[in-house]
Full PDB file with SEQRES, HELIX, SHEET, SSBOND, CRYST1, ORIGX, SCALE, CONECT and MASTER records, all heavy atoms in Angstrom:
SEQRES   1 A   42  ALA SER TYR LEU LEU PRO TYR PRO SER GLU GLY VAL GLN          
SEQRES   2 A   42  PRO PHE LEU GLU ARG LEU LEU TYR ILE HIS GLU LYS GLU          
SEQRES   3 A   42  HIS VAL ASP ILE VAL ILE PRO ASN LEU ASP ALA GLU LEU          
SEQRES   4 A   42  PHE THR PHE                                                  
HELIX    1 AA1 PRO A    8  GLU A   10  5                                   3    
HELIX    2 AA2 VAL A   12  GLU A   26  1                                  15    
HELIX    3 AA3 ASP A   36  LEU A   39  1                                   4    
CRYST1    1.000    1.000    1.000  90.00  90.00  90.00 P 1           1          
ORIGX1      1.000000  0.000000  0.000000        0.00000                         
ORIGX2      0.000000  1.000000  0.000000        0.00000                         
ORIGX3      0.000000  0.000000  1.000000        0.00000                         
SCALE1      1.000000  0.000000  0.000000        0.00000                         
SCALE2      0.000000  1.000000  0.000000        0.00000                         
SCALE3      0.000000  0.000000  1.000000        0.00000                         
ATOM      1  N   ALA A   1     217.004  -8.291  76.499  1.00  0.00           N  
ATOM      2  CA  ALA A   1     216.262  -7.150  77.029  1.00  0.00           C  
ATOM      3  C   ALA A   1     215.141  -6.826  76.051  1.00  0.00           C  
ATOM      4  O   ALA A   1     215.189  -7.222  74.884  1.00  0.00           O  
ATOM      5  CB  ALA A   1     217.168  -5.937  77.215  1.00  0.00           C  
ATOM      6  N   SER A   2     214.128  -6.107  76.544  1.00  0.00           N  
ATOM      7  CA  SER A   2     212.995  -5.739  75.693  1.00  0.00           C  
ATOM      8  C   SER A   2     212.578  -4.304  75.982  1.00  0.00           C  
ATOM      9  O   SER A   2     212.680  -3.834  77.122  1.00  0.00           O  
ATOM     10  CB  SER A   2     211.814  -6.685  75.916  1.00  0.00           C  
ATOM     11  OG  SER A   2     212.128  -8.002  75.512  1.00  0.00           O  
ATOM     12  N   TYR A   3     212.083  -3.636  74.930  1.00  0.00           N  
ATOM     13  CA  TYR A   3     211.638  -2.255  75.038  1.00  0.00           C  
ATOM     14  C   TYR A   3     210.331  -2.080  74.273  1.00  0.00           C  
ATOM     15  O   TYR A   3     210.126  -2.707  73.223  1.00  0.00           O  
ATOM     16  CB  TYR A   3     212.679  -1.292  74.458  1.00  0.00           C  
ATOM     17  CG  TYR A   3     213.951  -1.181  75.245  1.00  0.00           C  
ATOM     18  CD1 TYR A   3     214.958  -2.131  75.106  1.00  0.00           C  
ATOM     19  CD2 TYR A   3     214.142  -0.123  76.133  1.00  0.00           C  
ATOM     20  CE1 TYR A   3     216.131  -2.039  75.831  1.00  0.00           C  
ATOM     21  CE2 TYR A   3     215.318  -0.018  76.868  1.00  0.00           C  
ATOM     22  CZ  TYR A   3     216.312  -0.977  76.717  1.00  0.00           C  
ATOM     23  OH  TYR A   3     217.481  -0.875  77.443  1.00  0.00           O  
ATOM     24  N   LEU A   4     209.469  -1.218  74.780  1.00  0.00           N  
ATOM     25  CA  LEU A   4     208.233  -0.880  74.088  1.00  0.00           C  
ATOM     26  C   LEU A   4     208.497   0.257  73.102  1.00  0.00           C  
ATOM     27  O   LEU A   4     209.252   1.187  73.388  1.00  0.00           O  
ATOM     28  CB  LEU A   4     207.156  -0.450  75.081  1.00  0.00           C  
ATOM     29  CG  LEU A   4     206.595  -1.545  75.999  1.00  0.00           C  
ATOM     30  CD1 LEU A   4     205.578  -0.948  76.966  1.00  0.00           C  
ATOM     31  CD2 LEU A   4     205.955  -2.665  75.183  1.00  0.00           C  
ATOM     32  N   LEU A   5     207.844   0.162  71.945  1.00  0.00           N  
ATOM     33  CA  LEU A   5     207.900   1.200  70.925  1.00  0.00           C  
ATOM     34  C   LEU A   5     206.526   1.833  70.768  1.00  0.00           C  
ATOM     35  O   LEU A   5     205.509   1.146  70.929  1.00  0.00           O  
ATOM     36  CB  LEU A   5     208.314   0.625  69.565  1.00  0.00           C  
ATOM     37  CG  LEU A   5     209.755   0.186  69.339  1.00  0.00           C  
ATOM     38  CD1 LEU A   5     209.898  -0.379  67.931  1.00  0.00           C  
ATOM     39  CD2 LEU A   5     210.714   1.345  69.536  1.00  0.00           C  
ATOM     40  N   PRO A   6     206.448   3.114  70.407  1.00  0.00           N  
ATOM     41  CA  PRO A   6     205.151   3.684  70.030  1.00  0.00           C  
ATOM     42  C   PRO A   6     204.757   3.147  68.658  1.00  0.00           C  
ATOM     43  O   PRO A   6     205.625   2.786  67.856  1.00  0.00           O  
ATOM     44  CB  PRO A   6     205.441   5.186  69.967  1.00  0.00           C  
ATOM     45  CG  PRO A   6     206.891   5.274  69.627  1.00  0.00           C  
ATOM     46  CD  PRO A   6     207.547   4.096  70.312  1.00  0.00           C  
ATOM     47  N   TYR A   7     203.472   3.089  68.393  1.00  0.00           N  
ATOM     48  CA  TYR A   7     203.039   2.644  67.068  1.00  0.00           C  
ATOM     49  C   TYR A   7     203.509   3.632  66.015  1.00  0.00           C  
ATOM     50  O   TYR A   7     203.500   4.855  66.239  1.00  0.00           O  
ATOM     51  CB  TYR A   7     201.521   2.507  67.021  1.00  0.00           C  
ATOM     52  CG  TYR A   7     200.997   1.307  67.774  1.00  0.00           C  
ATOM     53  CD1 TYR A   7     200.410   1.454  69.028  1.00  0.00           C  
ATOM     54  CD2 TYR A   7     201.098   0.032  67.239  1.00  0.00           C  
ATOM     55  CE1 TYR A   7     199.935   0.348  69.731  1.00  0.00           C  
ATOM     56  CE2 TYR A   7     200.635  -1.077  67.928  1.00  0.00           C  
ATOM     57  CZ  TYR A   7     200.052  -0.912  69.169  1.00  0.00           C  
ATOM     58  OH  TYR A   7     199.598  -2.009  69.861  1.00  0.00           O  
ATOM     59  N   PRO A   8     203.929   3.152  64.848  1.00  0.00           N  
ATOM     60  CA  PRO A   8     204.354   4.066  63.778  1.00  0.00           C  
ATOM     61  C   PRO A   8     203.291   5.096  63.420  1.00  0.00           C  
ATOM     62  O   PRO A   8     203.618   6.208  62.988  1.00  0.00           O  
ATOM     63  CB  PRO A   8     204.632   3.122  62.602  1.00  0.00           C  
ATOM     64  CG  PRO A   8     204.970   1.813  63.245  1.00  0.00           C  
ATOM     65  CD  PRO A   8     204.111   1.739  64.471  1.00  0.00           C  
ATOM     66  N   SER A   9     202.022   4.751  63.618  1.00  0.00           N  
ATOM     67  CA  SER A   9     200.934   5.675  63.297  1.00  0.00           C  
ATOM     68  C   SER A   9     200.937   6.914  64.192  1.00  0.00           C  
ATOM     69  O   SER A   9     200.289   7.918  63.879  1.00  0.00           O  
ATOM     70  CB  SER A   9     199.584   4.962  63.427  1.00  0.00           C  
ATOM     71  OG  SER A   9     199.404   4.452  64.737  1.00  0.00           O  
ATOM     72  N   GLU A  10     201.681   6.869  65.302  1.00  0.00           N  
ATOM     73  CA  GLU A  10     201.764   8.027  66.195  1.00  0.00           C  
ATOM     74  C   GLU A  10     202.703   9.109  65.663  1.00  0.00           C  
ATOM     75  O   GLU A  10     202.800  10.191  66.247  1.00  0.00           O  
ATOM     76  CB  GLU A  10     202.203   7.582  67.592  1.00  0.00           C  
ATOM     77  CG  GLU A  10     201.186   6.676  68.283  1.00  0.00           C  
ATOM     78  CD  GLU A  10     201.635   6.235  69.660  1.00  0.00           C  
ATOM     79  OE1 GLU A  10     202.469   6.964  70.260  1.00  0.00           O  
ATOM     80  OE2 GLU A  10     201.169   5.187  70.137  1.00  0.00           O  
ATOM     81  N   GLY A  11     203.400   8.795  64.573  1.00  0.00           N  
ATOM     82  CA  GLY A  11     204.276   9.791  63.961  1.00  0.00           C  
ATOM     83  C   GLY A  11     205.725   9.344  63.911  1.00  0.00           C  
ATOM     84  O   GLY A  11     206.182   8.554  64.744  1.00  0.00           O  
ATOM     85  N   VAL A  12     206.426   9.869  62.927  1.00  0.00           N  
ATOM     86  CA  VAL A  12     207.826   9.491  62.718  1.00  0.00           C  
ATOM     87  C   VAL A  12     208.710   9.962  63.870  1.00  0.00           C  
ATOM     88  O   VAL A  12     209.574   9.217  64.346  1.00  0.00           O  
ATOM     89  CB  VAL A  12     208.346  10.051  61.378  1.00  0.00           C  
ATOM     90  CG1 VAL A  12     209.858   9.831  61.251  1.00  0.00           C  
ATOM     91  CG2 VAL A  12     207.628   9.396  60.211  1.00  0.00           C  
ATOM     92  N   GLN A  13     208.494  11.186  64.348  1.00  0.00           N  
ATOM     93  CA  GLN A  13     209.398  11.753  65.354  1.00  0.00           C  
ATOM     94  C   GLN A  13     209.374  10.990  66.679  1.00  0.00           C  
ATOM     95  O   GLN A  13     210.449  10.654  67.214  1.00  0.00           O  
ATOM     96  CB  GLN A  13     209.075  13.236  65.583  1.00  0.00           C  
ATOM     97  CG  GLN A  13     210.159  13.993  66.338  1.00  0.00           C  
ATOM     98  CD  GLN A  13     211.513  13.969  65.634  1.00  0.00           C  
ATOM     99  OE1 GLN A  13     211.591  13.936  64.407  1.00  0.00           O  
ATOM    100  NE2 GLN A  13     212.582  13.957  66.416  1.00  0.00           N  
ATOM    101  N   PRO A  14     208.189  10.696  67.262  1.00  0.00           N  
ATOM    102  CA  PRO A  14     208.191   9.897  68.501  1.00  0.00           C  
ATOM    103  C   PRO A  14     208.820   8.521  68.307  1.00  0.00           C  
ATOM    104  O   PRO A  14     209.513   8.015  69.198  1.00  0.00           O  
ATOM    105  CB  PRO A  14     206.705   9.781  68.851  1.00  0.00           C  
ATOM    106  CG  PRO A  14     206.044  10.902  68.132  1.00  0.00           C  
ATOM    107  CD  PRO A  14     206.825  11.114  66.880  1.00  0.00           C  
ATOM    108  N   PHE A  15     208.589   7.932  67.138  1.00  0.00           N  
ATOM    109  CA  PHE A  15     209.161   6.622  66.829  1.00  0.00           C  
ATOM    110  C   PHE A  15     210.684   6.707  66.793  1.00  0.00           C  
ATOM    111  O   PHE A  15     211.388   5.889  67.405  1.00  0.00           O  
ATOM    112  CB  PHE A  15     208.604   6.148  65.478  1.00  0.00           C  
ATOM    113  CG  PHE A  15     208.858   4.703  65.171  1.00  0.00           C  
ATOM    114  CD1 PHE A  15     208.080   3.703  65.731  1.00  0.00           C  
ATOM    115  CD2 PHE A  15     209.874   4.338  64.298  1.00  0.00           C  
ATOM    116  CE1 PHE A  15     208.311   2.360  65.439  1.00  0.00           C  
ATOM    117  CE2 PHE A  15     210.117   3.004  64.005  1.00  0.00           C  
ATOM    118  CZ  PHE A  15     209.329   2.014  64.569  1.00  0.00           C  
ATOM    119  N   LEU A  16     211.201   7.707  66.095  1.00  0.00           N  
ATOM    120  CA  LEU A  16     212.643   7.889  65.987  1.00  0.00           C  
ATOM    121  C   LEU A  16     213.265   8.198  67.340  1.00  0.00           C  
ATOM    122  O   LEU A  16     214.311   7.635  67.705  1.00  0.00           O  
ATOM    123  CB  LEU A  16     212.941   9.020  65.000  1.00  0.00           C  
ATOM    124  CG  LEU A  16     214.409   9.407  64.830  1.00  0.00           C  
ATOM    125  CD1 LEU A  16     215.217   8.241  64.279  1.00  0.00           C  
ATOM    126  CD2 LEU A  16     214.537  10.624  63.915  1.00  0.00           C  
ATOM    127  N   GLU A  17     212.629   9.072  68.101  1.00  0.00           N  
ATOM    128  CA  GLU A  17     213.173   9.436  69.410  1.00  0.00           C  
ATOM    129  C   GLU A  17     213.258   8.226  70.335  1.00  0.00           C  
ATOM    130  O   GLU A  17     214.225   8.081  71.096  1.00  0.00           O  
ATOM    131  CB  GLU A  17     212.319  10.536  70.032  1.00  0.00           C  
ATOM    132  CG  GLU A  17     212.478  11.887  69.347  1.00  0.00           C  
ATOM    133  CD  GLU A  17     211.549  12.936  69.899  1.00  0.00           C  
ATOM    134  OE1 GLU A  17     210.760  12.607  70.831  1.00  0.00           O  
ATOM    135  OE2 GLU A  17     211.595  14.095  69.434  1.00  0.00           O  
ATOM    136  N   ARG A  18     212.253   7.367  70.298  1.00  0.00           N  
ATOM    137  CA  ARG A  18     212.277   6.169  71.143  1.00  0.00           C  
ATOM    138  C   ARG A  18     213.415   5.233  70.733  1.00  0.00           C  
ATOM    139  O   ARG A  18     214.132   4.690  71.588  1.00  0.00           O  
ATOM    140  CB  ARG A  18     210.931   5.446  71.058  1.00  0.00           C  
ATOM    141  CG  ARG A  18     210.827   4.186  71.911  1.00  0.00           C  
ATOM    142  CD  ARG A  18     211.032   4.474  73.387  1.00  0.00           C  
ATOM    143  NE  ARG A  18     210.790   3.260  74.190  1.00  0.00           N  
ATOM    144  CZ  ARG A  18     211.038   3.182  75.485  1.00  0.00           C  
ATOM    145  NH1 ARG A  18     211.526   4.227  76.140  1.00  0.00           N  
ATOM    146  NH2 ARG A  18     210.793   2.069  76.140  1.00  0.00           N  
ATOM    147  N   LEU A  19     213.613   5.058  69.434  1.00  0.00           N  
ATOM    148  CA  LEU A  19     214.702   4.206  68.962  1.00  0.00           C  
ATOM    149  C   LEU A  19     216.063   4.775  69.359  1.00  0.00           C  
ATOM    150  O   LEU A  19     216.967   4.027  69.756  1.00  0.00           O  
ATOM    151  CB  LEU A  19     214.624   4.055  67.440  1.00  0.00           C  
ATOM    152  CG  LEU A  19     213.521   3.129  66.912  1.00  0.00           C  
ATOM    153  CD1 LEU A  19     213.399   3.262  65.398  1.00  0.00           C  
ATOM    154  CD2 LEU A  19     213.809   1.675  67.281  1.00  0.00           C  
ATOM    155  N   LEU A  20     216.207   6.081  69.292  1.00  0.00           N  
ATOM    156  CA  LEU A  20     217.473   6.702  69.680  1.00  0.00           C  
ATOM    157  C   LEU A  20     217.705   6.599  71.188  1.00  0.00           C  
ATOM    158  O   LEU A  20     218.855   6.467  71.642  1.00  0.00           O  
ATOM    159  CB  LEU A  20     217.498   8.165  69.226  1.00  0.00           C  
ATOM    160  CG  LEU A  20     217.546   8.376  67.705  1.00  0.00           C  
ATOM    161  CD1 LEU A  20     217.495   9.856  67.363  1.00  0.00           C  
ATOM    162  CD2 LEU A  20     218.785   7.722  67.097  1.00  0.00           C  
ATOM    163  N   TYR A  21     216.619   6.625  71.969  1.00  0.00           N  
ATOM    164  CA  TYR A  21     216.736   6.412  73.412  1.00  0.00           C  
ATOM    165  C   TYR A  21     217.232   4.982  73.690  1.00  0.00           C  
ATOM    166  O   TYR A  21     218.133   4.770  74.522  1.00  0.00           O  
ATOM    167  CB  TYR A  21     215.388   6.636  74.084  1.00  0.00           C  
ATOM    168  CG  TYR A  21     215.323   6.114  75.507  1.00  0.00           C  
ATOM    169  CD1 TYR A  21     215.871   6.833  76.561  1.00  0.00           C  
ATOM    170  CD2 TYR A  21     214.717   4.878  75.790  1.00  0.00           C  
ATOM    171  CE1 TYR A  21     215.830   6.345  77.864  1.00  0.00           C  
ATOM    172  CE2 TYR A  21     214.671   4.386  77.083  1.00  0.00           C  
ATOM    173  CZ  TYR A  21     215.221   5.118  78.118  1.00  0.00           C  
ATOM    174  OH  TYR A  21     215.178   4.623  79.397  1.00  0.00           O  
ATOM    175  N   ILE A  22     216.634   4.007  73.003  1.00  0.00           N  
ATOM    176  CA  ILE A  22     217.066   2.612  73.171  1.00  0.00           C  
ATOM    177  C   ILE A  22     218.528   2.466  72.749  1.00  0.00           C  
ATOM    178  O   ILE A  22     219.320   1.774  73.406  1.00  0.00           O  
ATOM    179  CB  ILE A  22     216.158   1.677  72.352  1.00  0.00           C  
ATOM    180  CG1 ILE A  22     214.722   1.731  72.894  1.00  0.00           C  
ATOM    181  CG2 ILE A  22     216.677   0.243  72.378  1.00  0.00           C  
ATOM    182  CD1 ILE A  22     213.691   1.061  71.996  1.00  0.00           C  
ATOM    183  N   HIS A  23     218.886   3.151  71.672  1.00  0.00           N  
ATOM    184  CA  HIS A  23     220.268   3.095  71.186  1.00  0.00           C  
ATOM    185  C   HIS A  23     221.238   3.687  72.216  1.00  0.00           C  
ATOM    186  O   HIS A  23     222.338   3.159  72.438  1.00  0.00           O  
ATOM    187  CB  HIS A  23     220.372   3.868  69.870  1.00  0.00           C  
ATOM    188  CG  HIS A  23     221.745   3.917  69.291  1.00  0.00           C  
ATOM    189  ND1 HIS A  23     222.512   2.793  69.068  1.00  0.00           N  
ATOM    190  CD2 HIS A  23     222.510   4.978  68.873  1.00  0.00           C  
ATOM    191  CE1 HIS A  23     223.674   3.144  68.542  1.00  0.00           C  
ATOM    192  NE2 HIS A  23     223.698   4.463  68.427  1.00  0.00           N  
ATOM    193  N   GLU A  24     220.831   4.760  72.873  1.00  0.00           N  
ATOM    194  CA  GLU A  24     221.676   5.387  73.887  1.00  0.00           C  
ATOM    195  C   GLU A  24     221.953   4.436  75.042  1.00  0.00           C  
ATOM    196  O   GLU A  24     223.057   4.412  75.600  1.00  0.00           O  
ATOM    197  CB  GLU A  24     220.988   6.655  74.406  1.00  0.00           C  
ATOM    198  CG  GLU A  24     221.809   7.446  75.408  1.00  0.00           C  
ATOM    199  CD  GLU A  24     221.099   8.704  75.893  1.00  0.00           C  
ATOM    200  OE1 GLU A  24     220.105   9.103  75.255  1.00  0.00           O  
ATOM    201  OE2 GLU A  24     221.533   9.266  76.919  1.00  0.00           O  
ATOM    202  N   LYS A  25     220.961   3.610  75.372  1.00  0.00           N  
ATOM    203  CA  LYS A  25     221.120   2.675  76.488  1.00  0.00           C  
ATOM    204  C   LYS A  25     221.822   1.387  76.069  1.00  0.00           C  
ATOM    205  O   LYS A  25     222.579   0.799  76.847  1.00  0.00           O  
ATOM    206  CB  LYS A  25     219.751   2.337  77.084  1.00  0.00           C  
ATOM    207  CG  LYS A  25     219.042   3.506  77.737  1.00  0.00           C  
ATOM    208  CD  LYS A  25     217.943   3.037  78.675  1.00  0.00           C  
ATOM    209  CE  LYS A  25     218.516   2.310  79.873  1.00  0.00           C  
ATOM    210  NZ  LYS A  25     217.480   1.962  80.871  1.00  0.00           N  
ATOM    211  N   GLU A  26     221.539   0.921  74.835  1.00  0.00           N  
ATOM    212  CA  GLU A  26     221.985  -0.411  74.431  1.00  0.00           C  
ATOM    213  C   GLU A  26     223.104  -0.412  73.386  1.00  0.00           C  
ATOM    214  O   GLU A  26     223.666  -1.468  73.107  1.00  0.00           O  
ATOM    215  CB  GLU A  26     220.790  -1.202  73.874  1.00  0.00           C  
ATOM    216  CG  GLU A  26     219.701  -1.485  74.899  1.00  0.00           C  
ATOM    217  CD  GLU A  26     220.090  -2.552  75.910  1.00  0.00           C  
ATOM    218  OE1 GLU A  26     221.147  -3.198  75.735  1.00  0.00           O  
ATOM    219  OE2 GLU A  26     219.335  -2.747  76.875  1.00  0.00           O  
ATOM    220  N   HIS A  27     223.373   0.737  72.766  1.00  0.00           N  
ATOM    221  CA  HIS A  27     224.382   0.814  71.700  1.00  0.00           C  
ATOM    222  C   HIS A  27     224.064  -0.195  70.584  1.00  0.00           C  
ATOM    223  O   HIS A  27     224.868  -1.059  70.243  1.00  0.00           O  
ATOM    224  CB  HIS A  27     225.791   0.575  72.257  1.00  0.00           C  
ATOM    225  CG  HIS A  27     226.138   1.475  73.400  1.00  0.00           C  
ATOM    226  ND1 HIS A  27     226.350   2.842  73.240  1.00  0.00           N  
ATOM    227  CD2 HIS A  27     226.277   1.235  74.739  1.00  0.00           C  
ATOM    228  CE1 HIS A  27     226.629   3.383  74.410  1.00  0.00           C  
ATOM    229  NE2 HIS A  27     226.591   2.450  75.338  1.00  0.00           N  
ATOM    230  N   VAL A  28     222.873  -0.047  70.040  1.00  0.00           N  
ATOM    231  CA  VAL A  28     222.372  -0.976  69.014  1.00  0.00           C  
ATOM    232  C   VAL A  28     223.197  -0.847  67.738  1.00  0.00           C  
ATOM    233  O   VAL A  28     223.440   0.253  67.240  1.00  0.00           O  
ATOM    234  CB  VAL A  28     220.889  -0.688  68.709  1.00  0.00           C  
ATOM    235  CG1 VAL A  28     220.381  -1.580  67.575  1.00  0.00           C  
ATOM    236  CG2 VAL A  28     220.040  -0.870  69.964  1.00  0.00           C  
ATOM    237  N   ASP A  29     223.630  -1.984  67.205  1.00  0.00           N  
ATOM    238  CA  ASP A  29     224.366  -2.003  65.935  1.00  0.00           C  
ATOM    239  C   ASP A  29     223.436  -2.184  64.742  1.00  0.00           C  
ATOM    240  O   ASP A  29     223.614  -1.535  63.710  1.00  0.00           O  
ATOM    241  CB  ASP A  29     225.393  -3.146  65.943  1.00  0.00           C  
ATOM    242  CG  ASP A  29     226.473  -2.950  66.986  1.00  0.00           C  
ATOM    243  OD1 ASP A  29     227.249  -1.980  66.862  1.00  0.00           O  
ATOM    244  OD2 ASP A  29     226.533  -3.762  67.930  1.00  0.00           O  
ATOM    245  N   ILE A  30     222.449  -3.070  64.904  1.00  0.00           N  
ATOM    246  CA  ILE A  30     221.591  -3.439  63.775  1.00  0.00           C  
ATOM    247  C   ILE A  30     220.157  -3.591  64.254  1.00  0.00           C  
ATOM    248  O   ILE A  30     219.909  -4.125  65.348  1.00  0.00           O  
ATOM    249  CB  ILE A  30     222.069  -4.765  63.131  1.00  0.00           C  
ATOM    250  CG1 ILE A  30     223.436  -4.556  62.456  1.00  0.00           C  
ATOM    251  CG2 ILE A  30     221.063  -5.297  62.113  1.00  0.00           C  
ATOM    252  CD1 ILE A  30     224.122  -5.827  62.073  1.00  0.00           C  
ATOM    253  N   VAL A  31     219.214  -3.126  63.449  1.00  0.00           N  
ATOM    254  CA  VAL A  31     217.791  -3.364  63.693  1.00  0.00           C  
ATOM    255  C   VAL A  31     217.244  -4.217  62.558  1.00  0.00           C  
ATOM    256  O   VAL A  31     217.518  -3.958  61.382  1.00  0.00           O  
ATOM    257  CB  VAL A  31     217.001  -2.043  63.783  1.00  0.00           C  
ATOM    258  CG1 VAL A  31     215.504  -2.323  63.884  1.00  0.00           C  
ATOM    259  CG2 VAL A  31     217.455  -1.224  64.984  1.00  0.00           C  
ATOM    260  N   ILE A  32     216.464  -5.238  62.918  1.00  0.00           N  
ATOM    261  CA  ILE A  32     215.773  -6.067  61.917  1.00  0.00           C  
ATOM    262  C   ILE A  32     214.274  -5.878  62.115  1.00  0.00           C  
ATOM    263  O   ILE A  32     213.666  -6.511  62.982  1.00  0.00           O  
ATOM    264  CB  ILE A  32     216.139  -7.558  62.057  1.00  0.00           C  
ATOM    265  CG1 ILE A  32     217.658  -7.759  61.975  1.00  0.00           C  
ATOM    266  CG2 ILE A  32     215.444  -8.382  60.966  1.00  0.00           C  
ATOM    267  CD1 ILE A  32     218.096  -9.206  62.122  1.00  0.00           C  
ATOM    268  N   PRO A  33     213.638  -4.989  61.329  1.00  0.00           N  
ATOM    269  CA  PRO A  33     212.184  -4.825  61.415  1.00  0.00           C  
ATOM    270  C   PRO A  33     211.495  -6.014  60.746  1.00  0.00           C  
ATOM    271  O   PRO A  33     211.905  -6.450  59.664  1.00  0.00           O  
ATOM    272  CB  PRO A  33     211.920  -3.529  60.640  1.00  0.00           C  
ATOM    273  CG  PRO A  33     213.268  -2.927  60.367  1.00  0.00           C  
ATOM    274  CD  PRO A  33     214.236  -4.049  60.373  1.00  0.00           C  
ATOM    275  N   ASN A  34     210.429  -6.512  61.364  1.00  0.00           N  
ATOM    276  CA  ASN A  34     209.791  -7.729  60.872  1.00  0.00           C  
ATOM    277  C   ASN A  34     208.292  -7.608  60.621  1.00  0.00           C  
ATOM    278  O   ASN A  34     207.635  -8.613  60.358  1.00  0.00           O  
ATOM    279  CB  ASN A  34     210.027  -8.872  61.873  1.00  0.00           C  
ATOM    280  CG  ASN A  34     211.479  -9.285  61.941  1.00  0.00           C  
ATOM    281  OD1 ASN A  34     212.077  -9.659  60.941  1.00  0.00           O  
ATOM    282  ND2 ASN A  34     212.064  -9.192  63.124  1.00  0.00           N  
ATOM    283  N   LEU A  35     207.752  -6.394  60.701  1.00  0.00           N  
ATOM    284  CA  LEU A  35     206.314  -6.214  60.536  1.00  0.00           C  
ATOM    285  C   LEU A  35     206.026  -5.264  59.379  1.00  0.00           C  
ATOM    286  O   LEU A  35     206.638  -4.196  59.271  1.00  0.00           O  
ATOM    287  CB  LEU A  35     205.699  -5.651  61.830  1.00  0.00           C  
ATOM    288  CG  LEU A  35     205.889  -6.509  63.083  1.00  0.00           C  
ATOM    289  CD1 LEU A  35     205.373  -5.778  64.306  1.00  0.00           C  
ATOM    290  CD2 LEU A  35     205.191  -7.855  62.931  1.00  0.00           C  
ATOM    291  N   ASP A  36     205.078  -5.654  58.525  1.00  0.00           N  
ATOM    292  CA  ASP A  36     204.737  -4.839  57.361  1.00  0.00           C  
ATOM    293  C   ASP A  36     204.375  -3.415  57.756  1.00  0.00           C  
ATOM    294  O   ASP A  36     204.789  -2.450  57.105  1.00  0.00           O  
ATOM    295  CB  ASP A  36     203.553  -5.462  56.609  1.00  0.00           C  
ATOM    296  CG  ASP A  36     203.915  -6.781  55.938  1.00  0.00           C  
ATOM    297  OD1 ASP A  36     205.039  -7.272  56.152  1.00  0.00           O  
ATOM    298  OD2 ASP A  36     203.072  -7.323  55.207  1.00  0.00           O  
ATOM    299  N   ALA A  37     203.583  -3.269  58.825  1.00  0.00           N  
ATOM    300  CA  ALA A  37     203.035  -1.967  59.185  1.00  0.00           C  
ATOM    301  C   ALA A  37     204.098  -0.975  59.661  1.00  0.00           C  
ATOM    302  O   ALA A  37     203.833   0.228  59.717  1.00  0.00           O  
ATOM    303  CB  ALA A  37     201.961  -2.126  60.259  1.00  0.00           C  
ATOM    304  N   GLU A  38     205.286  -1.442  60.006  1.00  0.00           N  
ATOM    305  CA  GLU A  38     206.338  -0.550  60.496  1.00  0.00           C  
ATOM    306  C   GLU A  38     207.417  -0.281  59.454  1.00  0.00           C  
ATOM    307  O   GLU A  38     208.231   0.633  59.613  1.00  0.00           O  
ATOM    308  CB  GLU A  38     206.995  -1.148  61.740  1.00  0.00           C  
ATOM    309  CG  GLU A  38     207.797  -2.406  61.442  1.00  0.00           C  
ATOM    310  CD  GLU A  38     208.360  -3.099  62.669  1.00  0.00           C  
ATOM    311  OE1 GLU A  38     208.126  -2.622  63.801  1.00  0.00           O  
ATOM    312  OE2 GLU A  38     209.029  -4.139  62.498  1.00  0.00           O  
ATOM    313  N   LEU A  39     207.425  -1.066  58.385  1.00  0.00           N  
ATOM    314  CA  LEU A  39     208.539  -0.995  57.442  1.00  0.00           C  
ATOM    315  C   LEU A  39     208.639   0.360  56.743  1.00  0.00           C  
ATOM    316  O   LEU A  39     209.732   0.876  56.521  1.00  0.00           O  
ATOM    317  CB  LEU A  39     208.426  -2.115  56.406  1.00  0.00           C  
ATOM    318  CG  LEU A  39     208.924  -3.488  56.875  1.00  0.00           C  
ATOM    319  CD1 LEU A  39     208.667  -4.535  55.807  1.00  0.00           C  
ATOM    320  CD2 LEU A  39     210.397  -3.449  57.213  1.00  0.00           C  
ATOM    321  N   PHE A  40     207.502   0.925  56.384  1.00  0.00           N  
ATOM    322  CA  PHE A  40     207.520   2.225  55.715  1.00  0.00           C  
ATOM    323  C   PHE A  40     208.241   3.260  56.579  1.00  0.00           C  
ATOM    324  O   PHE A  40     209.075   4.026  56.089  1.00  0.00           O  
ATOM    325  CB  PHE A  40     206.091   2.676  55.408  1.00  0.00           C  
ATOM    326  CG  PHE A  40     206.006   4.020  54.748  1.00  0.00           C  
ATOM    327  CD1 PHE A  40     206.280   4.171  53.398  1.00  0.00           C  
ATOM    328  CD2 PHE A  40     205.660   5.149  55.480  1.00  0.00           C  
ATOM    329  CE1 PHE A  40     206.211   5.418  52.787  1.00  0.00           C  
ATOM    330  CE2 PHE A  40     205.582   6.405  54.881  1.00  0.00           C  
ATOM    331  CZ  PHE A  40     205.853   6.529  53.526  1.00  0.00           C  
ATOM    332  N   THR A  41     207.921   3.268  57.874  1.00  0.00           N  
ATOM    333  CA  THR A  41     208.558   4.218  58.784  1.00  0.00           C  
ATOM    334  C   THR A  41     210.047   3.941  58.925  1.00  0.00           C  
ATOM    335  O   THR A  41     210.875   4.863  58.909  1.00  0.00           O  
ATOM    336  CB  THR A  41     207.879   4.177  60.162  1.00  0.00           C  
ATOM    337  OG1 THR A  41     206.488   4.495  60.009  1.00  0.00           O  
ATOM    338  CG2 THR A  41     208.513   5.168  61.119  1.00  0.00           C  
ATOM    339  N   PHE A  42     210.417   2.669  59.051  1.00  0.00           N  
ATOM    340  CA  PHE A  42     211.836   2.334  59.178  1.00  0.00           C  
ATOM    341  C   PHE A  42     212.620   2.733  57.930  1.00  0.00           C  
ATOM    342  O   PHE A  42     213.755   3.222  58.020  1.00  0.00           O  
ATOM    343  CB  PHE A  42     212.008   0.835  59.452  1.00  0.00           C  
ATOM    344  CG  PHE A  42     212.041   0.479  60.909  1.00  0.00           C  
ATOM    345  CD1 PHE A  42     210.995  -0.203  61.504  1.00  0.00           C  
ATOM    346  CD2 PHE A  42     213.141   0.823  61.689  1.00  0.00           C  
ATOM    347  CE1 PHE A  42     211.025  -0.537  62.854  1.00  0.00           C  
ATOM    348  CE2 PHE A  42     213.185   0.491  63.041  1.00  0.00           C  
ATOM    349  CZ  PHE A  42     212.132  -0.185  63.623  1.00  0.00           C  
TER     350      PHE A  42                                                      
MASTER        0    0    0    3    0    0    0    6  349    1    0    4          
END                                                                             
């Protein structure tokens, strides 16, 4: 499955809320961030 994320530059809260929404649907155990531009936020 795939989901769209807001860019980290849009703010920490929208980013976190989207991840928690995905978690509510998918019960995510682990996230592997792979992009430099998102790592600070993660």
